Amino acid sequence: MLNINRILIKDTVCFQIDESLKEIYPDSGGDGSEAAIRIQFEYDLLSGTITDLSINAFNEQDATDSIATIEKTKQGDLILRDLADMSLAVLKWQIELMFKSWKSICDIEKVKKVKRHRLRYY
């Protein structure tokens, strides 16, 4: 049985704001207002608590935020995000956490040698 401590659901909503705020919240260009914000919202489904609620400039991408907040994740967390939130660094971090969890669940203390041809992917 998996030991899931938190189920973290994170998503973002973006919208344009008054252009007088363009120095603080610049848009990434294009039509419309020169100012836009990105609201990051993360919710722990198990505890019912908000773990992140932040307002950033529109040009601060989701993947950048996922790297900045990765240290908040812990072993036993189930992370649900859309693919825009994932970067290679975050994916690597999640794989390492998953490996540590499986190692603990399966009581694996030592990694066994594997034949090199078994490590190929197709």
PDB file of N, CA and C in Angstrom:
ATOM      1  N   MET A   1       0.841  -1.192   0.000  1.00  0.00           N
ATOM      2  CA  MET A   1       0.000   0.000   0.000  1.00  0.00           C
ATOM      3  C   MET A   1       0.882   1.251   0.000  1.00  0.00           C
ATOM      4  N   LEU A   2       0.544   2.202  -0.811  1.00  0.00           N
ATOM      5  CA  LEU A   2       1.305   3.445  -0.885  1.00  0.00           C
ATOM      6  C   LEU A   2       1.008   4.323   0.322  1.00  0.00           C
ATOM      7  N   ASN A   3       2.039   4.980   0.787  1.00  0.00           N
ATOM      8  CA  ASN A   3       1.892   5.890   1.912  1.00  0.00           C
ATOM      9  C   ASN A   3       1.889   7.319   1.375  1.00  0.00           C
ATOM     10  N   ILE A   4       0.712   7.810   1.034  1.00  0.00           N
ATOM     11  CA  ILE A   4       0.583   9.166   0.489  1.00  0.00           C
ATOM     12  C   ILE A   4       0.193  10.099   1.625  1.00  0.00           C
ATOM     13  N   ASN A   5       1.065  11.065   1.892  1.00  0.00           N
ATOM     14  CA  ASN A   5       0.829  12.016   2.975  1.00  0.00           C
ATOM     15  C   ASN A   5       0.037  13.239   2.528  1.00  0.00           C
ATOM     16  N   ARG A   6       0.332  13.690   1.310  1.00  0.00           N
ATOM     17  CA  ARG A   6      -0.356  14.862   0.767  1.00  0.00           C
ATOM     18  C   ARG A   6      -0.654  14.634  -0.702  1.00  0.00           C
ATOM     19  N   ILE A   7      -1.779  15.157  -1.166  1.00  0.00           N
ATOM     20  CA  ILE A   7      -2.098  15.194  -2.586  1.00  0.00           C
ATOM     21  C   ILE A   7      -2.140  16.668  -2.963  1.00  0.00           C
ATOM     22  N   LEU A   8      -1.084  17.117  -3.634  1.00  0.00           N
ATOM     23  CA  LEU A   8      -0.940  18.532  -3.968  1.00  0.00           C
ATOM     24  C   LEU A   8      -1.393  18.786  -5.401  1.00  0.00           C
ATOM     25  N   ILE A   9      -2.438  19.564  -5.535  1.00  0.00           N
ATOM     26  CA  ILE A   9      -2.982  19.925  -6.845  1.00  0.00           C
ATOM     27  C   ILE A   9      -2.630  21.392  -7.086  1.00  0.00           C
ATOM     28  N   LYS A  10      -1.942  21.653  -8.197  1.00  0.00           N
ATOM     29  CA  LYS A  10      -1.523  23.024  -8.480  1.00  0.00           C
ATOM     30  C   LYS A  10      -1.901  23.408  -9.896  1.00  0.00           C
ATOM     31  N   ASP A  11      -2.419  24.617 -10.028  1.00  0.00           N
ATOM     32  CA  ASP A  11      -2.733  25.142 -11.355  1.00  0.00           C
ATOM     33  C   ASP A  11      -2.605  26.653 -11.324  1.00  0.00           C
ATOM     34  N   THR A  12      -2.701  27.235 -12.489  1.00  0.00           N
ATOM     35  CA  THR A  12      -2.494  28.665 -12.659  1.00  0.00           C
ATOM     36  C   THR A  12      -3.631  29.270 -13.456  1.00  0.00           C
ATOM     37  N   VAL A  13      -3.963  30.500 -13.117  1.00  0.00           N
ATOM     38  CA  VAL A  13      -4.899  31.269 -13.926  1.00  0.00           C
ATOM     39  C   VAL A  13      -4.202  32.588 -14.268  1.00  0.00           C
ATOM     40  N   CYS A  14      -4.379  33.038 -15.489  1.00  0.00           N
ATOM     41  CA  CYS A  14      -3.734  34.264 -15.961  1.00  0.00           C
ATOM     42  C   CYS A  14      -4.789  35.217 -16.501  1.00  0.00           C
ATOM     43  N   PHE A  15      -4.569  36.497 -16.258  1.00  0.00           N
ATOM     44  CA  PHE A  15      -5.438  37.482 -16.894  1.00  0.00           C
ATOM     45  C   PHE A  15      -4.771  38.838 -16.942  1.00  0.00           C
ATOM     46  N   GLN A  16      -5.267  39.659 -17.845  1.00  0.00           N
ATOM     47  CA  GLN A  16      -4.715  40.999 -18.041  1.00  0.00           C
ATOM     48  C   GLN A  16      -5.236  41.935 -16.960  1.00  0.00           C
ATOM     49  N   ILE A  17      -4.381  42.899 -16.609  1.00  0.00           N
ATOM     50  CA  ILE A  17      -4.757  43.903 -15.602  1.00  0.00           C
ATOM     51  C   ILE A  17      -4.467  45.292 -16.172  1.00  0.00           C
ATOM     52  N   ASP A  18      -4.782  46.302 -15.415  1.00  0.00           N
ATOM     53  CA  ASP A  18      -4.595  47.683 -15.856  1.00  0.00           C
ATOM     54  C   ASP A  18      -3.132  47.949 -16.217  1.00  0.00           C
ATOM     55  N   GLU A  19      -2.924  48.631 -17.333  1.00  0.00           N
ATOM     56  CA  GLU A  19      -1.574  48.900 -17.836  1.00  0.00           C
ATOM     57  C   GLU A  19      -0.718  49.734 -16.893  1.00  0.00           C
ATOM     58  N   SER A  20      -1.325  50.412 -15.935  1.00  0.00           N
ATOM     59  CA  SER A  20      -0.539  51.199 -14.986  1.00  0.00           C
ATOM     60  C   SER A  20       0.344  50.315 -14.102  1.00  0.00           C
ATOM     61  N   LEU A  21       0.108  49.010 -14.113  1.00  0.00           N
ATOM     62  CA  LEU A  21       0.891  48.067 -13.306  1.00  0.00           C
ATOM     63  C   LEU A  21       1.936  47.311 -14.119  1.00  0.00           C
ATOM     64  N   LYS A  22       2.211  47.777 -15.347  1.00  0.00           N
ATOM     65  CA  LYS A  22       3.105  47.047 -16.245  1.00  0.00           C
ATOM     66  C   LYS A  22       4.546  46.965 -15.746  1.00  0.00           C
ATOM     67  N   GLU A  23       4.982  47.886 -14.905  1.00  0.00           N
ATOM     68  CA  GLU A  23       6.344  47.822 -14.355  1.00  0.00           C
ATOM     69  C   GLU A  23       6.474  46.692 -13.338  1.00  0.00           C
ATOM     70  N   ILE A  24       5.414  46.405 -12.626  1.00  0.00           N
ATOM     71  CA  ILE A  24       5.422  45.356 -11.595  1.00  0.00           C
ATOM     72  C   ILE A  24       5.034  44.006 -12.187  1.00  0.00           C
ATOM     73  N   TYR A  25       4.013  44.008 -13.050  1.00  0.00           N
ATOM     74  CA  TYR A  25       3.479  42.781 -13.647  1.00  0.00           C
ATOM     75  C   TYR A  25       3.479  42.864 -15.170  1.00  0.00           C
ATOM     76  N   PRO A  26       4.679  42.786 -15.789  1.00  0.00           N
ATOM     77  CA  PRO A  26       4.731  42.888 -17.251  1.00  0.00           C
ATOM     78  C   PRO A  26       4.122  41.677 -17.949  1.00  0.00           C
ATOM     79  N   ASP A  27       3.511  41.949 -19.092  1.00  0.00           N
ATOM     80  CA  ASP A  27       2.993  40.886 -19.952  1.00  0.00           C
ATOM     81  C   ASP A  27       4.157  40.376 -20.803  1.00  0.00           C
ATOM     82  N   SER A  28       3.962  39.314 -21.520  1.00  0.00           N
ATOM     83  CA  SER A  28       5.035  38.784 -22.361  1.00  0.00           C
ATOM     84  C   SER A  28       4.966  39.343 -23.777  1.00  0.00           C
ATOM     85  N   GLY A  29       4.104  40.288 -24.013  1.00  0.00           N
ATOM     86  CA  GLY A  29       3.969  40.892 -25.335  1.00  0.00           C
ATOM     87  C   GLY A  29       2.691  40.442 -25.999  1.00  0.00           C
ATOM     88  N   GLY A  30       2.435  40.968 -27.151  1.00  0.00           N
ATOM     89  CA  GLY A  30       1.228  40.594 -27.870  1.00  0.00           C
ATOM     90  C   GLY A  30       0.150  41.653 -27.762  1.00  0.00           C
ATOM     91  N   ASP A  31      -1.041  41.303 -28.210  1.00  0.00           N
ATOM     92  CA  ASP A  31      -2.166  42.236 -28.187  1.00  0.00           C
ATOM     93  C   ASP A  31      -2.711  42.389 -26.771  1.00  0.00           C
ATOM     94  N   GLY A  32      -3.415  43.450 -26.540  1.00  0.00           N
ATOM     95  CA  GLY A  32      -4.056  43.655 -25.245  1.00  0.00           C
ATOM     96  C   GLY A  32      -3.197  44.467 -24.296  1.00  0.00           C
ATOM     97  N   SER A  33      -3.480  44.357 -23.028  1.00  0.00           N
ATOM     98  CA  SER A  33      -2.794  45.122 -21.990  1.00  0.00           C
ATOM     99  C   SER A  33      -1.315  44.748 -21.915  1.00  0.00           C
ATOM    100  N   GLU A  34      -0.500  45.713 -21.526  1.00  0.00           N
ATOM    101  CA  GLU A  34       0.927  45.461 -21.341  1.00  0.00           C
ATOM    102  C   GLU A  34       1.215  44.918 -19.945  1.00  0.00           C
ATOM    103  N   ALA A  35       0.170  44.711 -19.163  1.00  0.00           N
ATOM    104  CA  ALA A  35       0.322  44.165 -17.815  1.00  0.00           C
ATOM    105  C   ALA A  35      -0.596  42.957 -17.659  1.00  0.00           C
ATOM    106  N   ALA A  36      -0.052  41.911 -17.055  1.00  0.00           N
ATOM    107  CA  ALA A  36      -0.845  40.706 -16.821  1.00  0.00           C
ATOM    108  C   ALA A  36      -0.272  39.964 -15.619  1.00  0.00           C
ATOM    109  N   ILE A  37      -1.120  39.224 -14.944  1.00  0.00           N
ATOM    110  CA  ILE A  37      -0.668  38.463 -13.786  1.00  0.00           C
ATOM    111  C   ILE A  37      -0.943  36.973 -13.964  1.00  0.00           C
ATOM    112  N   ARG A  38      -0.210  36.211 -13.199  1.00  0.00           N
ATOM    113  CA  ARG A  38      -0.361  34.755 -13.150  1.00  0.00           C
ATOM    114  C   ARG A  38      -0.562  34.407 -11.681  1.00  0.00           C
ATOM    115  N   ILE A  39      -1.710  33.835 -11.343  1.00  0.00           N
ATOM    116  CA  ILE A  39      -1.985  33.435  -9.965  1.00  0.00           C
ATOM    117  C   ILE A  39      -1.737  31.936  -9.843  1.00  0.00           C
ATOM    118  N   GLN A  40      -0.796  31.569  -8.982  1.00  0.00           N
ATOM    119  CA  GLN A  40      -0.480  30.169  -8.710  1.00  0.00           C
ATOM    120  C   GLN A  40      -1.309  29.732  -7.492  1.00  0.00           C
ATOM    121  N   PHE A  41      -1.981  28.607  -7.625  1.00  0.00           N
ATOM    122  CA  PHE A  41      -2.811  28.087  -6.533  1.00  0.00           C
ATOM    123  C   PHE A  41      -2.511  26.605  -6.348  1.00  0.00           C
ATOM    124  N   GLU A  42      -2.109  26.242  -5.131  1.00  0.00           N
ATOM    125  CA  GLU A  42      -1.852  24.836  -4.825  1.00  0.00           C
ATOM    126  C   GLU A  42      -2.642  24.462  -3.581  1.00  0.00           C
ATOM    127  N   TYR A  43      -3.277  23.302  -3.648  1.00  0.00           N
ATOM    128  CA  TYR A  43      -4.208  22.859  -2.612  1.00  0.00           C
ATOM    129  C   TYR A  43      -3.858  21.425  -2.222  1.00  0.00           C
ATOM    130  N   ASP A  44      -3.808  21.166  -0.920  1.00  0.00           N
ATOM    131  CA  ASP A  44      -3.606  19.797  -0.438  1.00  0.00           C
ATOM    132  C   ASP A  44      -4.974  19.173  -0.245  1.00  0.00           C
ATOM    133  N   LEU A  45      -5.286  18.230  -1.097  1.00  0.00           N
ATOM    134  CA  LEU A  45      -6.593  17.597  -1.094  1.00  0.00           C
ATOM    135  C   LEU A  45      -6.872  16.822   0.193  1.00  0.00           C
ATOM    136  N   LEU A  46      -5.846  16.220   0.791  1.00  0.00           N
ATOM    137  CA  LEU A  46      -6.049  15.418   1.987  1.00  0.00           C
ATOM    138  C   LEU A  46      -6.316  16.261   3.238  1.00  0.00           C
ATOM    139  N   SER A  47      -5.558  17.332   3.407  1.00  0.00           N
ATOM    140  CA  SER A  47      -5.735  18.156   4.613  1.00  0.00           C
ATOM    141  C   SER A  47      -6.721  19.297   4.409  1.00  0.00           C
ATOM    142  N   GLY A  48      -7.003  19.626   3.144  1.00  0.00           N
ATOM    143  CA  GLY A  48      -7.909  20.731   2.863  1.00  0.00           C
ATOM    144  C   GLY A  48      -7.274  22.090   3.057  1.00  0.00           C
ATOM    145  N   THR A  49      -5.951  22.161   2.965  1.00  0.00           N
ATOM    146  CA  THR A  49      -5.256  23.435   3.165  1.00  0.00           C
ATOM    147  C   THR A  49      -4.668  23.959   1.854  1.00  0.00           C
ATOM    148  N   ILE A  50      -4.571  25.257   1.782  1.00  0.00           N
ATOM    149  CA  ILE A  50      -3.916  25.916   0.651  1.00  0.00           C
ATOM    150  C   ILE A  50      -2.421  25.952   0.966  1.00  0.00           C
ATOM    151  N   THR A  51      -1.613  25.381   0.088  1.00  0.00           N
ATOM    152  CA  THR A  51      -0.170  25.338   0.315  1.00  0.00           C
ATOM    153  C   THR A  51       0.578  26.415  -0.462  1.00  0.00           C
ATOM    154  N   ASP A  52      -0.055  26.988  -1.461  1.00  0.00           N
ATOM    155  CA  ASP A  52       0.562  28.090  -2.204  1.00  0.00           C
ATOM    156  C   ASP A  52      -0.528  28.927  -2.848  1.00  0.00           C
ATOM    157  N   LEU A  53      -0.445  30.208  -2.647  1.00  0.00           N
ATOM    158  CA  LEU A  53      -1.307  31.174  -3.326  1.00  0.00           C
ATOM    159  C   LEU A  53      -0.435  32.393  -3.573  1.00  0.00           C
ATOM    160  N   SER A  54       0.001  32.553  -4.812  1.00  0.00           N
ATOM    161  CA  SER A  54       0.923  33.635  -5.114  1.00  0.00           C
ATOM    162  C   SER A  54       0.538  34.322  -6.418  1.00  0.00           C
ATOM    163  N   ILE A  55       0.891  35.594  -6.480  1.00  0.00           N
ATOM    164  CA  ILE A  55       0.639  36.398  -7.673  1.00  0.00           C
ATOM    165  C   ILE A  55       1.986  36.773  -8.261  1.00  0.00           C
ATOM    166  N   ASN A  56       2.153  36.454  -9.532  1.00  0.00           N
ATOM    167  CA  ASN A  56       3.408  36.735 -10.234  1.00  0.00           C
ATOM    168  C   ASN A  56       3.104  37.432 -11.551  1.00  0.00           C
ATOM    169  N   ALA A  57       4.160  37.996 -12.130  1.00  0.00           N
ATOM    170  CA  ALA A  57       4.020  38.574 -13.466  1.00  0.00           C
ATOM    171  C   ALA A  57       3.710  37.459 -14.452  1.00  0.00           C
ATOM    172  N   PHE A  58       2.970  37.786 -15.482  1.00  0.00           N
ATOM    173  CA  PHE A  58       2.580  36.802 -16.483  1.00  0.00           C
ATOM    174  C   PHE A  58       3.782  36.127 -17.120  1.00  0.00           C
ATOM    175  N   ASN A  59       4.874  36.865 -17.292  1.00  0.00           N
ATOM    176  CA  ASN A  59       6.041  36.303 -17.968  1.00  0.00           C
ATOM    177  C   ASN A  59       6.864  35.365 -17.081  1.00  0.00           C
ATOM    178  N   GLU A  60       6.482  35.166 -15.828  1.00  0.00           N
ATOM    179  CA  GLU A  60       7.103  34.156 -14.969  1.00  0.00           C
ATOM    180  C   GLU A  60       6.345  32.850 -15.190  1.00  0.00           C
ATOM    181  N   GLN A  61       6.930  31.958 -15.944  1.00  0.00           N
ATOM    182  CA  GLN A  61       6.245  30.753 -16.408  1.00  0.00           C
ATOM    183  C   GLN A  61       6.026  29.723 -15.299  1.00  0.00           C
ATOM    184  N   ASP A  62       5.072  28.822 -15.529  1.00  0.00           N
ATOM    185  CA  ASP A  62       4.741  27.766 -14.582  1.00  0.00           C
ATOM    186  C   ASP A  62       5.945  26.875 -14.277  1.00  0.00           C
ATOM    187  N   ALA A  63       6.722  26.549 -15.290  1.00  0.00           N
ATOM    188  CA  ALA A  63       7.882  25.681 -15.086  1.00  0.00           C
ATOM    189  C   ALA A  63       8.893  26.339 -14.151  1.00  0.00           C
ATOM    190  N   THR A  64       9.045  27.662 -14.248  1.00  0.00           N
ATOM    191  CA  THR A  64       9.941  28.392 -13.351  1.00  0.00           C
ATOM    192  C   THR A  64       9.430  28.306 -11.919  1.00  0.00           C
ATOM    193  N   ASP A  65       8.124  28.445 -11.748  1.00  0.00           N
ATOM    194  CA  ASP A  65       7.534  28.342 -10.414  1.00  0.00           C
ATOM    195  C   ASP A  65       7.700  26.941  -9.845  1.00  0.00           C
ATOM    196  N   SER A  66       7.580  25.926 -10.677  1.00  0.00           N
ATOM    197  CA  SER A  66       7.696  24.554 -10.173  1.00  0.00           C
ATOM    198  C   SER A  66       9.103  24.287  -9.648  1.00  0.00           C
ATOM    199  N   ILE A  67      10.118  24.880 -10.272  1.00  0.00           N
ATOM    200  CA  ILE A  67      11.488  24.735  -9.781  1.00  0.00           C
ATOM    201  C   ILE A  67      11.653  25.507  -8.472  1.00  0.00           C
ATOM    202  N   ALA A  68      11.090  26.703  -8.392  1.00  0.00           N
ATOM    203  CA  ALA A  68      11.219  27.525  -7.196  1.00  0.00           C
ATOM    204  C   ALA A  68      10.532  26.907  -5.981  1.00  0.00           C
ATOM    205  N   THR A  69       9.475  26.132  -6.205  1.00  0.00           N
ATOM    206  CA  THR A  69       8.726  25.561  -5.083  1.00  0.00           C
ATOM    207  C   THR A  69       9.002  24.076  -4.868  1.00  0.00           C
ATOM    208  N   ILE A  70       9.951  23.512  -5.583  1.00  0.00           N
ATOM    209  CA  ILE A  70      10.208  22.070  -5.492  1.00  0.00           C
ATOM    210  C   ILE A  70      10.679  21.651  -4.102  1.00  0.00           C
ATOM    211  N   GLU A  71      11.373  22.532  -3.403  1.00  0.00           N
ATOM    212  CA  GLU A  71      11.884  22.184  -2.085  1.00  0.00           C
ATOM    213  C   GLU A  71      10.771  22.017  -1.051  1.00  0.00           C
ATOM    214  N   LYS A  72       9.572  22.452  -1.382  1.00  0.00           N
ATOM    215  CA  LYS A  72       8.438  22.282  -0.476  1.00  0.00           C
ATOM    216  C   LYS A  72       7.861  20.865  -0.538  1.00  0.00           C
ATOM    217  N   THR A  73       8.230  20.102  -1.588  1.00  0.00           N
ATOM    218  CA  THR A  73       7.703  18.743  -1.707  1.00  0.00           C
ATOM    219  C   THR A  73       8.453  17.807  -0.777  1.00  0.00           C
ATOM    220  N   LYS A  74       7.752  16.788  -0.311  1.00  0.00           N
ATOM    221  CA  LYS A  74       8.321  15.834   0.638  1.00  0.00           C
ATOM    222  C   LYS A  74       8.054  14.416   0.144  1.00  0.00           C
ATOM    223  N   GLN A  75       8.791  13.491   0.692  1.00  0.00           N
ATOM    224  CA  GLN A  75       8.548  12.087   0.381  1.00  0.00           C
ATOM    225  C   GLN A  75       7.130  11.749   0.808  1.00  0.00           C
ATOM    226  N   GLY A  76       6.406  11.041  -0.058  1.00  0.00           N
ATOM    227  CA  GLY A  76       5.020  10.691   0.237  1.00  0.00           C
ATOM    228  C   GLY A  76       4.018  11.661  -0.363  1.00  0.00           C
ATOM    229  N   ASP A  77       4.507  12.707  -1.060  1.00  0.00           N
ATOM    230  CA  ASP A  77       3.611  13.657  -1.720  1.00  0.00           C
ATOM    231  C   ASP A  77       3.223  13.129  -3.103  1.00  0.00           C
ATOM    232  N   LEU A  78       1.960  13.257  -3.433  1.00  0.00           N
ATOM    233  CA  LEU A  78       1.490  12.991  -4.788  1.00  0.00           C
ATOM    234  C   LEU A  78       1.253  14.358  -5.410  1.00  0.00           C
ATOM    235  N   ILE A  79       1.982  14.666  -6.470  1.00  0.00           N
ATOM    236  CA  ILE A  79       1.954  15.988  -7.100  1.00  0.00           C
ATOM    237  C   ILE A  79       1.128  15.909  -8.379  1.00  0.00           C
ATOM    238  N   LEU A  80       0.085  16.712  -8.476  1.00  0.00           N
ATOM    239  CA  LEU A  80      -0.751  16.770  -9.671  1.00  0.00           C
ATOM    240  C   LEU A  80      -0.642  18.171 -10.262  1.00  0.00           C
ATOM    241  N   ARG A  81      -0.020  18.254 -11.442  1.00  0.00           N
ATOM    242  CA  ARG A  81       0.137  19.519 -12.150  1.00  0.00           C
ATOM    243  C   ARG A  81      -0.040  19.259 -13.627  1.00  0.00           C
ATOM    244  N   ASP A  82      -0.377  20.311 -14.360  1.00  0.00           N
ATOM    245  CA  ASP A  82      -0.429  20.120 -15.802  1.00  0.00           C
ATOM    246  C   ASP A  82       0.997  20.145 -16.349  1.00  0.00           C
ATOM    247  N   LEU A  83       1.170  19.714 -17.569  1.00  0.00           N
ATOM    248  CA  LEU A  83       2.506  19.575 -18.131  1.00  0.00           C
ATOM    249  C   LEU A  83       3.253  20.889 -18.264  1.00  0.00           C
ATOM    250  N   ALA A  84       2.550  21.999 -18.324  1.00  0.00           N
ATOM    251  CA  ALA A  84       3.229  23.295 -18.415  1.00  0.00           C
ATOM    252  C   ALA A  84       4.031  23.584 -17.155  1.00  0.00           C
ATOM    253  N   ASP A  85       3.657  22.941 -16.038  1.00  0.00           N
ATOM    254  CA  ASP A  85       4.359  23.157 -14.776  1.00  0.00           C
ATOM    255  C   ASP A  85       5.615  22.311 -14.638  1.00  0.00           C
ATOM    256  N   MET A  86       5.829  21.379 -15.554  1.00  0.00           N
ATOM    257  CA  MET A  86       6.935  20.445 -15.396  1.00  0.00           C
ATOM    258  C   MET A  86       8.161  20.905 -16.172  1.00  0.00           C
ATOM    259  N   SER A  87       9.297  20.805 -15.527  1.00  0.00           N
ATOM    260  CA  SER A  87      10.571  21.021 -16.201  1.00  0.00           C
ATOM    261  C   SER A  87      11.393  19.759 -15.982  1.00  0.00           C
ATOM    262  N   LEU A  88      12.508  19.664 -16.646  1.00  0.00           N
ATOM    263  CA  LEU A  88      13.355  18.488 -16.499  1.00  0.00           C
ATOM    264  C   LEU A  88      13.838  18.345 -15.056  1.00  0.00           C
ATOM    265  N   ALA A  89      14.175  19.459 -14.409  1.00  0.00           N
ATOM    266  CA  ALA A  89      14.645  19.410 -13.026  1.00  0.00           C
ATOM    267  C   ALA A  89      13.552  18.896 -12.087  1.00  0.00           C
ATOM    268  N   VAL A  90      12.334  19.351 -12.287  1.00  0.00           N
ATOM    269  CA  VAL A  90      11.223  18.909 -11.447  1.00  0.00           C
ATOM    270  C   VAL A  90      10.924  17.447 -11.699  1.00  0.00           C
ATOM    271  N   LEU A  91      10.945  17.036 -12.960  1.00  0.00           N
ATOM    272  CA  LEU A  91      10.703  15.639 -13.290  1.00  0.00           C
ATOM    273  C   LEU A  91      11.759  14.744 -12.632  1.00  0.00           C
ATOM    274  N   LYS A  92      13.017  15.164 -12.692  1.00  0.00           N
ATOM    275  CA  LYS A  92      14.101  14.404 -12.054  1.00  0.00           C
ATOM    276  C   LYS A  92      13.857  14.306 -10.547  1.00  0.00           C
ATOM    277  N   TRP A  93      13.478  15.403  -9.927  1.00  0.00           N
ATOM    278  CA  TRP A  93      13.194  15.438  -8.494  1.00  0.00           C
ATOM    279  C   TRP A  93      12.071  14.462  -8.149  1.00  0.00           C
ATOM    280  N   GLN A  94      11.005  14.465  -8.935  1.00  0.00           N
ATOM    281  CA  GLN A  94       9.872  13.580  -8.678  1.00  0.00           C
ATOM    282  C   GLN A  94      10.261  12.115  -8.847  1.00  0.00           C
ATOM    283  N   ILE A  95      11.089  11.817  -9.842  1.00  0.00           N
ATOM    284  CA  ILE A  95      11.542  10.439 -10.044  1.00  0.00           C
ATOM    285  C   ILE A  95      12.377   9.987  -8.851  1.00  0.00           C
ATOM    286  N   GLU A  96      13.250  10.862  -8.361  1.00  0.00           N
ATOM    287  CA  GLU A  96      14.066  10.511  -7.191  1.00  0.00           C
ATOM    288  C   GLU A  96      13.187  10.260  -5.971  1.00  0.00           C
ATOM    289  N   LEU A  97      12.182  11.110  -5.752  1.00  0.00           N
ATOM    290  CA  LEU A  97      11.266  10.899  -4.629  1.00  0.00           C
ATOM    291  C   LEU A  97      10.496   9.588  -4.783  1.00  0.00           C
ATOM    292  N   MET A  98      10.062   9.301  -6.006  1.00  0.00           N
ATOM    293  CA  MET A  98       9.326   8.070  -6.258  1.00  0.00           C
ATOM    294  C   MET A  98      10.227   6.854  -6.002  1.00  0.00           C
ATOM    295  N   PHE A  99      11.475   6.926  -6.464  1.00  0.00           N
ATOM    296  CA  PHE A  99      12.404   5.826  -6.243  1.00  0.00           C
ATOM    297  C   PHE A  99      12.628   5.606  -4.745  1.00  0.00           C
ATOM    298  N   LYS A 100      12.819   6.685  -4.002  1.00  0.00           N
ATOM    299  CA  LYS A 100      13.016   6.563  -2.555  1.00  0.00           C
ATOM    300  C   LYS A 100      11.793   5.955  -1.885  1.00  0.00           C
ATOM    301  N   SER A 101      10.608   6.337  -2.344  1.00  0.00           N
ATOM    302  CA  SER A 101       9.376   5.777  -1.775  1.00  0.00           C
ATOM    303  C   SER A 101       9.283   4.284  -2.053  1.00  0.00           C
ATOM    304  N   TRP A 102       9.522   3.881  -3.314  1.00  0.00           N
ATOM    305  CA  TRP A 102       9.458   2.456  -3.661  1.00  0.00           C
ATOM    306  C   TRP A 102      10.538   1.674  -2.928  1.00  0.00           C
ATOM    307  N   LYS A 103      11.700   2.277  -2.772  1.00  0.00           N
ATOM    308  CA  LYS A 103      12.788   1.616  -2.047  1.00  0.00           C
ATOM    309  C   LYS A 103      12.360   1.350  -0.607  1.00  0.00           C
ATOM    310  N   SER A 104      11.694   2.304  -0.021  1.00  0.00           N
ATOM    311  CA  SER A 104      11.210   2.149   1.353  1.00  0.00           C
ATOM    312  C   SER A 104      10.073   1.130   1.430  1.00  0.00           C
ATOM    313  N   ILE A 105       9.121   1.225   0.502  1.00  0.00           N
ATOM    314  CA  ILE A 105       7.968   0.313   0.503  1.00  0.00           C
ATOM    315  C   ILE A 105       8.415  -1.125   0.299  1.00  0.00           C
ATOM    316  N   CYS A 106       9.355  -1.332  -0.634  1.00  0.00           N
ATOM    317  CA  CYS A 106       9.810  -2.692  -0.965  1.00  0.00           C
ATOM    318  C   CYS A 106      10.960  -3.147  -0.077  1.00  0.00           C
ATOM    319  N   ASP A 107      11.364  -2.321   0.863  1.00  0.00           N
ATOM    320  CA  ASP A 107      12.430  -2.642   1.800  1.00  0.00           C
ATOM    321  C   ASP A 107      13.711  -3.038   1.064  1.00  0.00           C
ATOM    322  N   ILE A 108      14.095  -2.207   0.104  1.00  0.00           N
ATOM    323  CA  ILE A 108      15.299  -2.452  -0.690  1.00  0.00           C
ATOM    324  C   ILE A 108      16.428  -1.625  -0.080  1.00  0.00           C
ATOM    325  N   GLU A 109      17.436  -2.304   0.423  1.00  0.00           N
ATOM    326  CA  GLU A 109      18.573  -1.601   1.019  1.00  0.00           C
ATOM    327  C   GLU A 109      19.748  -1.478   0.057  1.00  0.00           C
ATOM    328  N   LYS A 110      19.820  -2.382  -0.893  1.00  0.00           N
ATOM    329  CA  LYS A 110      20.956  -2.411  -1.800  1.00  0.00           C
ATOM    330  C   LYS A 110      20.442  -2.584  -3.225  1.00  0.00           C
ATOM    331  N   VAL A 111      20.993  -1.819  -4.134  1.00  0.00           N
ATOM    332  CA  VAL A 111      20.625  -1.945  -5.541  1.00  0.00           C
ATOM    333  C   VAL A 111      21.399  -3.112  -6.133  1.00  0.00           C
ATOM    334  N   LYS A 112      20.689  -4.029  -6.758  1.00  0.00           N
ATOM    335  CA  LYS A 112      21.316  -5.204  -7.354  1.00  0.00           C
ATOM    336  C   LYS A 112      21.838  -4.863  -8.744  1.00  0.00           C
ATOM    337  N   LYS A 113      22.867  -5.572  -9.159  1.00  0.00           N
ATOM    338  CA  LYS A 113      23.413  -5.378 -10.502  1.00  0.00           C
ATOM    339  C   LYS A 113      22.404  -5.868 -11.530  1.00  0.00           C
ATOM    340  N   VAL A 114      22.309  -5.118 -12.626  1.00  0.00           N
ATOM    341  CA  VAL A 114      21.397  -5.446 -13.717  1.00  0.00           C
ATOM    342  C   VAL A 114      22.220  -5.549 -14.995  1.00  0.00           C
ATOM    343  N   LYS A 115      21.876  -6.530 -15.811  1.00  0.00           N
ATOM    344  CA  LYS A 115      22.569  -6.661 -17.091  1.00  0.00           C
ATOM    345  C   LYS A 115      22.289  -5.434 -17.943  1.00  0.00           C
ATOM    346  N   ARG A 116      23.318  -4.937 -18.586  1.00  0.00           N
ATOM    347  CA  ARG A 116      23.227  -3.679 -19.339  1.00  0.00           C
ATOM    348  C   ARG A 116      22.118  -3.701 -20.381  1.00  0.00           C
ATOM    349  N   HIS A 117      21.886  -4.810 -21.058  1.00  0.00           N
ATOM    350  CA  HIS A 117      20.878  -4.854 -22.119  1.00  0.00           C
ATOM    351  C   HIS A 117      19.464  -4.670 -21.560  1.00  0.00           C
ATOM    352  N   ARG A 118      19.263  -4.919 -20.281  1.00  0.00           N
ATOM    353  CA  ARG A 118      17.941  -4.735 -19.675  1.00  0.00           C
ATOM    354  C   ARG A 118      17.604  -3.260 -19.444  1.00  0.00           C
ATOM    355  N   LEU A 119      18.606  -2.413 -19.503  1.00  0.00           N
ATOM    356  CA  LEU A 119      18.391  -0.979 -19.262  1.00  0.00           C
ATOM    357  C   LEU A 119      18.008  -0.215 -20.524  1.00  0.00           C
ATOM    358  N   ARG A 120      18.052  -0.872 -21.671  1.00  0.00           N
ATOM    359  CA  ARG A 120      17.660  -0.217 -22.924  1.00  0.00           C
ATOM    360  C   ARG A 120      16.165   0.015 -22.963  1.00  0.00           C
ATOM    361  N   TYR A 121      15.786   1.072 -23.601  1.00  0.00           N
ATOM    362  CA  TYR A 121      14.358   1.347 -23.800  1.00  0.00           C
ATOM    363  C   TYR A 121      14.052   1.363 -25.286  1.00  0.00           C
ATOM    364  N   TYR A 122      12.809   1.139 -25.617  1.00  0.00           N
ATOM    365  CA  TYR A 122      12.397   1.034 -27.012  1.00  0.00           C
ATOM    366  C   TYR A 122      11.346   2.041 -27.351  1.00  0.00           C
TER     367      TYR A 122
END
